PDB file of N, CA and C in Angstrom:
ATOM      1  N   UNK A   1     113.920 119.123  92.617  1.00  0.00           N
ATOM      2  CA  UNK A   1     113.800 117.812  92.018  1.00  0.00           C
ATOM      3  C   UNK A   1     113.046 116.930  93.007  1.00  0.00           C
ATOM      4  N   UNK A   2     111.978 116.286  92.571  1.00  0.00           N
ATOM      5  CA  UNK A   2     111.248 115.411  93.480  1.00  0.00           C
ATOM      6  C   UNK A   2     111.298 113.987  92.970  1.00  0.00           C
ATOM      7  N   UNK A   3     110.717 113.105  93.728  1.00  0.00           N
ATOM      8  CA  UNK A   3     110.719 111.691  93.368  1.00  0.00           C
ATOM      9  C   UNK A   3     111.658 110.918  94.256  1.00  0.00           C
ATOM     10  N   UNK A   4     111.413 109.646  94.320  1.00  0.00           N
ATOM     11  CA  UNK A   4     112.242 108.787  95.154  1.00  0.00           C
ATOM     12  C   UNK A   4     113.632 108.640  94.548  1.00  0.00           C
ATOM     13  N   UNK A   5     114.608 108.552  95.389  1.00  0.00           N
ATOM     14  CA  UNK A   5     115.987 108.367  94.943  1.00  0.00           C
ATOM     15  C   UNK A   5     116.290 106.891  94.758  1.00  0.00           C
ATOM     16  N   UNK A   6     117.134 106.581  93.780  1.00  0.00           N
ATOM     17  CA  UNK A   6     117.634 105.210  93.764  1.00  0.00           C
ATOM     18  C   UNK A   6     118.501 105.020  95.015  1.00  0.00           C
ATOM     19  N   UNK A   7     118.636 103.798  95.454  1.00  0.00           N
ATOM     20  CA  UNK A   7     119.462 103.550  96.632  1.00  0.00           C
ATOM     21  C   UNK A   7     120.924 103.634  96.231  1.00  0.00           C
ATOM     22  N   UNK A   8     121.674 104.441  96.937  1.00  0.00           N
ATOM     23  CA  UNK A   8     123.099 104.562  96.704  1.00  0.00           C
ATOM     24  C   UNK A   8     123.882 104.033  97.899  1.00  0.00           C
ATOM     25  N   UNK A   9     123.379 104.345  99.091  1.00  0.00           N
ATOM     26  CA  UNK A   9     124.007 103.880 100.321  1.00  0.00           C
ATOM     27  C   UNK A   9     122.932 103.243 101.173  1.00  0.00           C
ATOM     28  N   UNK A  10     123.361 102.316 102.016  1.00  0.00           N
ATOM     29  CA  UNK A  10     122.396 101.698 102.907  1.00  0.00           C
ATOM     30  C   UNK A  10     123.080 101.322 104.217  1.00  0.00           C
ATOM     31  N   UNK A  11     122.295 101.287 105.289  1.00  0.00           N
ATOM     32  CA  UNK A  11     122.849 100.837 106.559  1.00  0.00           C
ATOM     33  C   UNK A  11     122.894  99.314 106.565  1.00  0.00           C
ATOM     34  N   UNK A  12     123.911  98.771 107.177  1.00  0.00           N
ATOM     35  CA  UNK A  12     124.039  97.318 107.293  1.00  0.00           C
ATOM     36  C   UNK A  12     124.483  96.962 108.702  1.00  0.00           C
ATOM     37  N   UNK A  13     123.943  95.884 109.182  1.00  0.00           N
ATOM     38  CA  UNK A  13     124.332  95.334 110.479  1.00  0.00           C
ATOM     39  C   UNK A  13     125.600  94.514 110.255  1.00  0.00           C
ATOM     40  N   UNK A  14     126.617  94.774 111.057  1.00  0.00           N
ATOM     41  CA  UNK A  14     127.893  94.072 110.916  1.00  0.00           C
ATOM     42  C   UNK A  14     128.165  93.269 112.187  1.00  0.00           C
ATOM     43  N   UNK A  15     128.557  92.012 111.998  1.00  0.00           N
ATOM     44  CA  UNK A  15     128.879  91.149 113.127  1.00  0.00           C
ATOM     45  C   UNK A  15     130.372  90.845 113.059  1.00  0.00           C
ATOM     46  N   UNK A  16     131.091  91.176 114.117  1.00  0.00           N
ATOM     47  CA  UNK A  16     132.539  90.966 114.173  1.00  0.00           C
ATOM     48  C   UNK A  16     132.853  89.521 114.572  1.00  0.00           C
ATOM     49  N   UNK A  17     134.111  89.166 114.453  1.00  0.00           N
ATOM     50  CA  UNK A  17     134.557  87.814 114.807  1.00  0.00           C
ATOM     51  C   UNK A  17     134.232  87.474 116.261  1.00  0.00           C
ATOM     52  N   UNK A  18     134.250  88.493 117.134  1.00  0.00           N
ATOM     53  CA  UNK A  18     133.933  88.247 118.544  1.00  0.00           C
ATOM     54  C   UNK A  18     132.421  88.264 118.803  1.00  0.00           C
ATOM     55  N   UNK A  19     131.647  88.301 117.716  1.00  0.00           N
ATOM     56  CA  UNK A  19     130.184  88.292 117.730  1.00  0.00           C
ATOM     57  C   UNK A  19     129.550  89.590 118.234  1.00  0.00           C
ATOM     58  N   UNK A  20     130.349  90.650 118.373  1.00  0.00           N
ATOM     59  CA  UNK A  20     129.770  91.953 118.697  1.00  0.00           C
ATOM     60  C   UNK A  20     129.092  92.496 117.439  1.00  0.00           C
ATOM     61  N   UNK A  21     128.026  93.237 117.631  1.00  0.00           N
ATOM     62  CA  UNK A  21     127.237  93.748 116.512  1.00  0.00           C
ATOM     63  C   UNK A  21     127.348  95.271 116.475  1.00  0.00           C
ATOM     64  N   UNK A  22     127.515  95.795 115.282  1.00  0.00           N
ATOM     65  CA  UNK A  22     127.550  97.240 115.086  1.00  0.00           C
ATOM     66  C   UNK A  22     126.864  97.562 113.766  1.00  0.00           C
ATOM     67  N   UNK A  23     126.750  98.842 113.467  1.00  0.00           N
ATOM     68  CA  UNK A  23     126.138  99.292 112.220  1.00  0.00           C
ATOM     69  C   UNK A  23     127.164 100.018 111.389  1.00  0.00           C
ATOM     70  N   UNK A  24     127.081  99.833 110.071  1.00  0.00           N
ATOM     71  CA  UNK A  24     127.957 100.493 109.111  1.00  0.00           C
ATOM     72  C   UNK A  24     127.099 101.031 107.974  1.00  0.00           C
ATOM     73  N   UNK A  25     127.682 101.886 107.153  1.00  0.00           N
ATOM     74  CA  UNK A  25     127.024 102.392 105.944  1.00  0.00           C
ATOM     75  C   UNK A  25     127.851 101.917 104.763  1.00  0.00           C
ATOM     76  N   UNK A  26     127.177 101.273 103.801  1.00  0.00           N
ATOM     77  CA  UNK A  26     127.867 100.707 102.638  1.00  0.00           C
ATOM     78  C   UNK A  26     127.292 101.268 101.346  1.00  0.00           C
ATOM     79  N   UNK A  27     128.142 101.264 100.318  1.00  0.00           N
ATOM     80  CA  UNK A  27     127.719 101.611  98.967  1.00  0.00           C
ATOM     81  C   UNK A  27     126.844 100.466  98.469  1.00  0.00           C
ATOM     82  N   UNK A  28     125.718 100.791  97.887  1.00  0.00           N
ATOM     83  CA  UNK A  28     124.744  99.785  97.476  1.00  0.00           C
ATOM     84  C   UNK A  28     125.245  98.899  96.332  1.00  0.00           C
ATOM     85  N   UNK A  29     126.158  99.411  95.508  1.00  0.00           N
ATOM     86  CA  UNK A  29     126.626  98.634  94.357  1.00  0.00           C
ATOM     87  C   UNK A  29     127.720  97.642  94.716  1.00  0.00           C
ATOM     88  N   UNK A  30     128.765  98.125  95.389  1.00  0.00           N
ATOM     89  CA  UNK A  30     129.918  97.255  95.641  1.00  0.00           C
ATOM     90  C   UNK A  30     130.096  96.895  97.113  1.00  0.00           C
ATOM     91  N   UNK A  31     129.178  97.338  97.948  1.00  0.00           N
ATOM     92  CA  UNK A  31     129.191  97.066  99.388  1.00  0.00           C
ATOM     93  C   UNK A  31     130.445  97.592 100.084  1.00  0.00           C
ATOM     94  N   UNK A  32     131.090  98.574  99.472  1.00  0.00           N
ATOM     95  CA  UNK A  32     132.256  99.209 100.090  1.00  0.00           C
ATOM     96  C   UNK A  32     131.793 100.100 101.238  1.00  0.00           C
ATOM     97  N   UNK A  33     132.523 100.045 102.345  1.00  0.00           N
ATOM     98  CA  UNK A  33     132.184 100.876 103.498  1.00  0.00           C
ATOM     99  C   UNK A  33     132.381 102.357 103.177  1.00  0.00           C
ATOM    100  N   UNK A  34     131.483 103.190 103.672  1.00  0.00           N
ATOM    101  CA  UNK A  34     131.686 104.640 103.591  1.00  0.00           C
ATOM    102  C   UNK A  34     132.508 105.002 104.824  1.00  0.00           C
ATOM    103  N   UNK A  35     133.771 105.326 104.617  1.00  0.00           N
ATOM    104  CA  UNK A  35     134.732 105.468 105.702  1.00  0.00           C
ATOM    105  C   UNK A  35     134.291 106.493 106.748  1.00  0.00           C
ATOM    106  N   UNK A  36     133.906 107.681 106.310  1.00  0.00           N
ATOM    107  CA  UNK A  36     133.553 108.730 107.257  1.00  0.00           C
ATOM    108  C   UNK A  36     132.290 108.381 108.043  1.00  0.00           C
ATOM    109  N   UNK A  37     131.309 107.797 107.368  1.00  0.00           N
ATOM    110  CA  UNK A  37     130.068 107.420 108.056  1.00  0.00           C
ATOM    111  C   UNK A  37     130.350 106.344 109.099  1.00  0.00           C
ATOM    112  N   UNK A  38     131.165 105.372 108.732  1.00  0.00           N
ATOM    113  CA  UNK A  38     131.497 104.286 109.668  1.00  0.00           C
ATOM    114  C   UNK A  38     132.298 104.811 110.853  1.00  0.00           C
ATOM    115  N   UNK A  39     133.172 105.770 110.610  1.00  0.00           N
ATOM    116  CA  UNK A  39     133.950 106.365 111.700  1.00  0.00           C
ATOM    117  C   UNK A  39     133.018 107.112 112.657  1.00  0.00           C
ATOM    118  N   UNK A  40     132.044 107.816 112.103  1.00  0.00           N
ATOM    119  CA  UNK A  40     131.085 108.529 112.949  1.00  0.00           C
ATOM    120  C   UNK A  40     130.289 107.544 113.810  1.00  0.00           C
ATOM    121  N   UNK A  41     129.833 106.457 113.195  1.00  0.00           N
ATOM    122  CA  UNK A  41     129.075 105.447 113.941  1.00  0.00           C
ATOM    123  C   UNK A  41     129.945 104.791 115.012  1.00  0.00           C
ATOM    124  N   UNK A  42     131.208 104.563 114.707  1.00  0.00           N
ATOM    125  CA  UNK A  42     132.131 104.012 115.704  1.00  0.00           C
ATOM    126  C   UNK A  42     132.292 104.988 116.873  1.00  0.00           C
ATOM    127  N   UNK A  43     132.285 106.267 116.560  1.00  0.00           N
ATOM    128  CA  UNK A  43     132.350 107.281 117.614  1.00  0.00           C
ATOM    129  C   UNK A  43     131.141 107.229 118.533  1.00  0.00           C
ATOM    130  N   UNK A  44     129.968 106.992 117.950  1.00  0.00           N
ATOM    131  CA  UNK A  44     128.765 106.838 118.776  1.00  0.00           C
ATOM    132  C   UNK A  44     128.912 105.637 119.713  1.00  0.00           C
ATOM    133  N   UNK A  45     129.404 104.521 119.158  1.00  0.00           N
ATOM    134  CA  UNK A  45     129.627 103.317 119.978  1.00  0.00           C
ATOM    135  C   UNK A  45     130.601 103.616 121.093  1.00  0.00           C
ATOM    136  N   UNK A  46     131.694 104.279 120.741  1.00  0.00           N
ATOM    137  CA  UNK A  46     132.731 104.603 121.718  1.00  0.00           C
ATOM    138  C   UNK A  46     132.240 105.523 122.820  1.00  0.00           C
ATOM    139  N   UNK A  47     131.250 106.336 122.489  1.00  0.00           N
ATOM    140  CA  UNK A  47     130.680 107.258 123.478  1.00  0.00           C
ATOM    141  C   UNK A  47     129.598 106.583 124.315  1.00  0.00           C
ATOM    142  N   UNK A  48     129.366 105.294 124.051  1.00  0.00           N
ATOM    143  CA  UNK A  48     128.393 104.553 124.860  1.00  0.00           C
ATOM    144  C   UNK A  48     126.943 104.794 124.480  1.00  0.00           C
ATOM    145  N   UNK A  49     126.692 105.245 123.261  1.00  0.00           N
ATOM    146  CA  UNK A  49     125.308 105.461 122.830  1.00  0.00           C
ATOM    147  C   UNK A  49     124.604 104.117 122.662  1.00  0.00           C
ATOM    148  N   UNK A  50     123.300 104.137 122.758  1.00  0.00           N
ATOM    149  CA  UNK A  50     122.491 102.919 122.657  1.00  0.00           C
ATOM    150  C   UNK A  50     122.600 102.307 121.256  1.00  0.00           C
ATOM    151  N   UNK A  51     122.459 100.993 121.193  1.00  0.00           N
ATOM    152  CA  UNK A  51     122.502 100.263 119.925  1.00  0.00           C
ATOM    153  C   UNK A  51     121.472 100.821 118.951  1.00  0.00           C
ATOM    154  N   UNK A  52     120.262 101.092 119.423  1.00  0.00           N
ATOM    155  CA  UNK A  52     119.222 101.610 118.529  1.00  0.00           C
ATOM    156  C   UNK A  52     119.528 103.023 118.050  1.00  0.00           C
ATOM    157  N   UNK A  53     120.266 103.793 118.822  1.00  0.00           N
ATOM    158  CA  UNK A  53     120.693 105.113 118.368  1.00  0.00           C
ATOM    159  C   UNK A  53     121.635 104.960 117.184  1.00  0.00           C
ATOM    160  N   UNK A  54     122.589 104.052 117.313  1.00  0.00           N
ATOM    161  CA  UNK A  54     123.532 103.784 116.221  1.00  0.00           C
ATOM    162  C   UNK A  54     122.786 103.304 114.978  1.00  0.00           C
ATOM    163  N   UNK A  55     121.828 102.420 115.156  1.00  0.00           N
ATOM    164  CA  UNK A  55     121.039 101.880 114.043  1.00  0.00           C
ATOM    165  C   UNK A  55     120.274 103.004 113.332  1.00  0.00           C
ATOM    166  N   UNK A  56     119.633 103.853 114.109  1.00  0.00           N
ATOM    167  CA  UNK A  56     118.866 104.962 113.528  1.00  0.00           C
ATOM    168  C   UNK A  56     119.780 105.927 112.787  1.00  0.00           C
ATOM    169  N   UNK A  57     120.897 106.284 113.398  1.00  0.00           N
ATOM    170  CA  UNK A  57     121.828 107.202 112.743  1.00  0.00           C
ATOM    171  C   UNK A  57     122.378 106.599 111.455  1.00  0.00           C
ATOM    172  N   UNK A  58     122.645 105.296 111.431  1.00  0.00           N
ATOM    173  CA  UNK A  58     123.162 104.654 110.220  1.00  0.00           C
ATOM    174  C   UNK A  58     122.185 104.833 109.067  1.00  0.00           C
ATOM    175  N   UNK A  59     120.905 104.641 109.336  1.00  0.00           N
ATOM    176  CA  UNK A  59     119.893 104.827 108.300  1.00  0.00           C
ATOM    177  C   UNK A  59     119.783 106.261 107.829  1.00  0.00           C
ATOM    178  N   UNK A  60     119.843 107.182 108.761  1.00  0.00           N
ATOM    179  CA  UNK A  60     119.725 108.599 108.403  1.00  0.00           C
ATOM    180  C   UNK A  60     120.953 109.089 107.639  1.00  0.00           C
ATOM    181  N   UNK A  61     122.120 108.614 108.041  1.00  0.00           N
ATOM    182  CA  UNK A  61     123.344 108.986 107.331  1.00  0.00           C
ATOM    183  C   UNK A  61     123.314 108.439 105.908  1.00  0.00           C
ATOM    184  N   UNK A  62     122.865 107.196 105.753  1.00  0.00           N
ATOM    185  CA  UNK A  62     122.769 106.600 104.412  1.00  0.00           C
ATOM    186  C   UNK A  62     121.816 107.407 103.533  1.00  0.00           C
ATOM    187  N   UNK A  63     120.702 107.850 104.095  1.00  0.00           N
ATOM    188  CA  UNK A  63     119.751 108.678 103.349  1.00  0.00           C
ATOM    189  C   UNK A  63     120.394 109.994 102.927  1.00  0.00           C
ATOM    190  N   UNK A  64     121.092 110.646 103.849  1.00  0.00           N
ATOM    191  CA  UNK A  64     121.777 111.903 103.560  1.00  0.00           C
ATOM    192  C   UNK A  64     122.781 111.728 102.419  1.00  0.00           C
ATOM    193  N   UNK A  65     123.618 110.702 102.534  1.00  0.00           N
ATOM    194  CA  UNK A  65     124.632 110.465 101.503  1.00  0.00           C
ATOM    195  C   UNK A  65     123.990 110.141 100.153  1.00  0.00           C
ATOM    196  N   UNK A  66     122.931 109.352 100.171  1.00  0.00           N
ATOM    197  CA  UNK A  66     122.235 108.994  98.928  1.00  0.00           C
ATOM    198  C   UNK A  66     121.608 110.209  98.270  1.00  0.00           C
ATOM    199  N   UNK A  67     121.003 111.065  99.081  1.00  0.00           N
ATOM    200  CA  UNK A  67     120.377 112.274  98.531  1.00  0.00           C
ATOM    201  C   UNK A  67     121.407 113.111  97.772  1.00  0.00           C
ATOM    202  N   UNK A  68     122.536 113.378  98.418  1.00  0.00           N
ATOM    203  CA  UNK A  68     123.516 114.243  97.766  1.00  0.00           C
ATOM    204  C   UNK A  68     124.197 113.571  96.587  1.00  0.00           C
ATOM    205  N   UNK A  69     124.436 112.271  96.657  1.00  0.00           N
ATOM    206  CA  UNK A  69     125.000 111.590  95.483  1.00  0.00           C
ATOM    207  C   UNK A  69     123.993 111.653  94.330  1.00  0.00           C
ATOM    208  N   UNK A  70     122.732 111.430  94.627  1.00  0.00           N
ATOM    209  CA  UNK A  70     121.692 111.459  93.609  1.00  0.00           C
ATOM    210  C   UNK A  70     121.508 112.820  92.960  1.00  0.00           C
ATOM    211  N   UNK A  71     121.907 113.860  93.664  1.00  0.00           N
ATOM    212  CA  UNK A  71     121.794 115.215  93.134  1.00  0.00           C
ATOM    213  C   UNK A  71     123.136 115.782  92.674  1.00  0.00           C
ATOM    214  N   UNK A  72     124.170 114.935  92.682  1.00  0.00           N
ATOM    215  CA  UNK A  72     125.475 115.364  92.177  1.00  0.00           C
ATOM    216  C   UNK A  72     126.149 116.422  93.029  1.00  0.00           C
ATOM    217  N   UNK A  73     125.936 116.369  94.330  1.00  0.00           N
ATOM    218  CA  UNK A  73     126.493 117.370  95.243  1.00  0.00           C
ATOM    219  C   UNK A  73     127.444 116.676  96.215  1.00  0.00           C
ATOM    220  N   UNK A  74     128.565 117.313  96.525  1.00  0.00           N
ATOM    221  CA  UNK A  74     129.501 116.788  97.504  1.00  0.00           C
ATOM    222  C   UNK A  74     128.836 116.801  98.875  1.00  0.00           C
ATOM    223  N   UNK A  75     128.690 115.633  99.477  1.00  0.00           N
ATOM    224  CA  UNK A  75     127.995 115.498 100.758  1.00  0.00           C
ATOM    225  C   UNK A  75     128.680 116.281 101.873  1.00  0.00           C
ATOM    226  N   UNK A  76     129.985 116.519 101.744  1.00  0.00           N
ATOM    227  CA  UNK A  76     130.727 117.142 102.842  1.00  0.00           C
ATOM    228  C   UNK A  76     130.650 118.665 102.856  1.00  0.00           C
ATOM    229  N   UNK A  77     130.096 119.261 101.814  1.00  0.00           N
ATOM    230  CA  UNK A  77     130.035 120.727 101.811  1.00  0.00           C
ATOM    231  C   UNK A  77     128.844 121.257 101.010  1.00  0.00           C
ATOM    232  N   UNK A  78     127.613 120.833 101.366  1.00  0.00           N
ATOM    233  CA  UNK A  78     126.457 121.377 100.644  1.00  0.00           C
ATOM    234  C   UNK A  78     126.233 122.834 101.044  1.00  0.00           C
ATOM    235  N   UNK A  79     125.714 123.599 100.125  1.00  0.00           N
ATOM    236  CA  UNK A  79     125.380 124.990 100.425  1.00  0.00           C
ATOM    237  C   UNK A  79     124.119 125.025 101.288  1.00  0.00           C
ATOM    238  N   UNK A  80     123.844 126.170 101.849  1.00  0.00           N
ATOM    239  CA  UNK A  80     122.628 126.329 102.645  1.00  0.00           C
ATOM    240  C   UNK A  80     121.399 126.048 101.780  1.00  0.00           C
ATOM    241  N   UNK A  81     121.422 126.505 100.529  1.00  0.00           N
ATOM    242  CA  UNK A  81     120.295 126.254  99.628  1.00  0.00           C
ATOM    243  C   UNK A  81     120.101 124.753  99.398  1.00  0.00           C
ATOM    244  N   UNK A  82     121.193 124.008  99.265  1.00  0.00           N
ATOM    245  CA  UNK A  82     121.098 122.552  99.076  1.00  0.00           C
ATOM    246  C   UNK A  82     120.572 121.863 100.333  1.00  0.00           C
ATOM    247  N   UNK A  83     121.003 122.331 101.503  1.00  0.00           N
ATOM    248  CA  UNK A  83     120.482 121.774 102.751  1.00  0.00           C
ATOM    249  C   UNK A  83     118.978 122.023 102.863  1.00  0.00           C
ATOM    250  N   UNK A  84     118.555 123.217 102.489  1.00  0.00           N
ATOM    251  CA  UNK A  84     117.124 123.537 102.541  1.00  0.00           C
ATOM    252  C   UNK A  84     116.350 122.685 101.540  1.00  0.00           C
ATOM    253  N   UNK A  85     116.917 122.450 100.359  1.00  0.00           N
ATOM    254  CA  UNK A  85     116.249 121.611  99.359  1.00  0.00           C
ATOM    255  C   UNK A  85     116.079 120.192  99.892  1.00  0.00           C
ATOM    256  N   UNK A  86     117.088 119.696 100.590  1.00  0.00           N
ATOM    257  CA  UNK A  86     116.968 118.360 101.159  1.00  0.00           C
ATOM    258  C   UNK A  86     115.892 118.333 102.237  1.00  0.00           C
ATOM    259  N   UNK A  87     115.837 119.356 103.052  1.00  0.00           N
ATOM    260  CA  UNK A  87     114.804 119.415 104.098  1.00  0.00           C
ATOM    261  C   UNK A  87     113.408 119.395 103.470  1.00  0.00           C
ATOM    262  N   UNK A  88     113.207 120.135 102.395  1.00  0.00           N
ATOM    263  CA  UNK A  88     111.905 120.124 101.715  1.00  0.00           C
ATOM    264  C   UNK A  88     111.619 118.755 101.113  1.00  0.00           C
ATOM    265  N   UNK A  89     112.643 118.133 100.563  1.00  0.00           N
ATOM    266  CA  UNK A  89     112.488 116.797  99.994  1.00  0.00           C
ATOM    267  C   UNK A  89     112.047 115.816 101.084  1.00  0.00           C
ATOM    268  N   UNK A  90     112.653 115.905 102.252  1.00  0.00           N
ATOM    269  CA  UNK A  90     112.278 115.021 103.361  1.00  0.00           C
ATOM    270  C   UNK A  90     110.817 115.211 103.754  1.00  0.00           C
ATOM    271  N   UNK A  91     110.337 116.434 103.679  1.00  0.00           N
ATOM    272  CA  UNK A  91     108.934 116.716 104.022  1.00  0.00           C
ATOM    273  C   UNK A  91     107.998 116.200 102.930  1.00  0.00           C
ATOM    274  N   UNK A  92     108.386 116.382 101.679  1.00  0.00           N
ATOM    275  CA  UNK A  92     107.507 116.057 100.550  1.00  0.00           C
ATOM    276  C   UNK A  92     107.484 114.589 100.148  1.00  0.00           C
ATOM    277  N   UNK A  93     108.580 113.875 100.340  1.00  0.00           N
ATOM    278  CA  UNK A  93     108.678 112.499  99.855  1.00  0.00           C
ATOM    279  C   UNK A  93     108.407 111.492 100.965  1.00  0.00           C
ATOM    280  N   UNK A  94     107.580 110.508 100.679  1.00  0.00           N
ATOM    281  CA  UNK A  94     107.377 109.452 101.682  1.00  0.00           C
ATOM    282  C   UNK A  94     108.624 108.597 101.801  1.00  0.00           C
ATOM    283  N   UNK A  95     108.884 108.130 102.997  1.00  0.00           N
ATOM    284  CA  UNK A  95     110.043 107.270 103.236  1.00  0.00           C
ATOM    285  C   UNK A  95     109.717 105.853 102.772  1.00  0.00           C
ATOM    286  N   UNK A  96     110.701 105.168 102.186  1.00  0.00           N
ATOM    287  CA  UNK A  96     110.455 103.773 101.804  1.00  0.00           C
ATOM    288  C   UNK A  96     110.317 102.923 103.064  1.00  0.00           C
ATOM    289  N   UNK A  97     109.612 101.808 102.972  1.00  0.00           N
ATOM    290  CA  UNK A  97     109.491 100.951 104.154  1.00  0.00           C
ATOM    291  C   UNK A  97     110.855 100.396 104.525  1.00  0.00           C
ATOM    292  N   UNK A  98     111.075 100.152 105.817  1.00  0.00           N
ATOM    293  CA  UNK A  98     112.379  99.620 106.227  1.00  0.00           C
ATOM    294  C   UNK A  98     112.594  98.224 105.675  1.00  0.00           C
ATOM    295  N   UNK A  99     113.840  97.907 105.383  1.00  0.00           N
ATOM    296  CA  UNK A  99     114.169  96.560 104.923  1.00  0.00           C
ATOM    297  C   UNK A  99     114.210  95.640 106.125  1.00  0.00           C
ATOM    298  N   UNK A 100     113.832  94.429 105.914  1.00  0.00           N
ATOM    299  CA  UNK A 100     113.918  93.441 106.980  1.00  0.00           C
ATOM    300  C   UNK A 100     114.520  92.175 106.416  1.00  0.00           C
ATOM    301  N   UNK A 101     115.394  91.565 107.180  1.00  0.00           N
ATOM    302  CA  UNK A 101     116.014  90.328 106.739  1.00  0.00           C
ATOM    303  C   UNK A 101     115.154  89.106 107.026  1.00  0.00           C
ATOM    304  N   UNK A 102     114.034  89.300 107.715  1.00  0.00           N
ATOM    305  CA  UNK A 102     113.192  88.165 108.073  1.00  0.00           C
ATOM    306  C   UNK A 102     112.147  87.917 106.992  1.00  0.00           C
ATOM    307  N   UNK A 103     112.034  86.688 106.504  1.00  0.00           N
ATOM    308  CA  UNK A 103     111.003  86.373 105.514  1.00  0.00           C
ATOM    309  C   UNK A 103     109.613  86.596 106.119  1.00  0.00           C
ATOM    310  N   UNK A 104     108.762  87.221 105.364  1.00  0.00           N
ATOM    311  CA  UNK A 104     107.381  87.437 105.816  1.00  0.00           C
ATOM    312  C   UNK A 104     107.223  88.601 106.779  1.00  0.00           C
ATOM    313  N   UNK A 105     108.293  89.336 107.064  1.00  0.00           N
ATOM    314  CA  UNK A 105     108.187  90.482 107.982  1.00  0.00           C
ATOM    315  C   UNK A 105     107.400  91.593 107.304  1.00  0.00           C
ATOM    316  N   UNK A 106     106.627  92.302 108.080  1.00  0.00           N
ATOM    317  CA  UNK A 106     105.856  93.416 107.543  1.00  0.00           C
ATOM    318  C   UNK A 106     106.336  94.688 108.193  1.00  0.00           C
ATOM    319  N   UNK A 107     106.173  95.787 107.484  1.00  0.00           N
ATOM    320  CA  UNK A 107     106.533  97.071 108.061  1.00  0.00           C
ATOM    321  C   UNK A 107     105.322  97.648 108.771  1.00  0.00           C
ATOM    322  N   UNK A 108     105.576  98.513 109.779  1.00  0.00           N
ATOM    323  CA  UNK A 108     104.462  99.066 110.559  1.00  0.00           C
ATOM    324  C   UNK A 108     103.577  99.986 109.779  1.00  0.00           C
TER     325      UNK A 108
END
């Protein structure tokens, strides 16, 4: 199956009450946190990984989750054939430009 996927999950920058910033993955419709993805990102933070590493992983995790939801496959246990199909999809499909919260921002 080719073609761009509708957005199902997306990475979001989260600011805590203490003004610390982290990244989370949310459902695009109801903005509900994806518990496992957020726990993984928290683990990266806890391990002292760079902020940009967390940001990049949040985007990639959201893409992974969206791909499998869009194809009706359980993200936690894809078959080898499904993993290979996703890899081919990543090669064949252009990535959408990154979202920016700044008015007038352009993508590279």
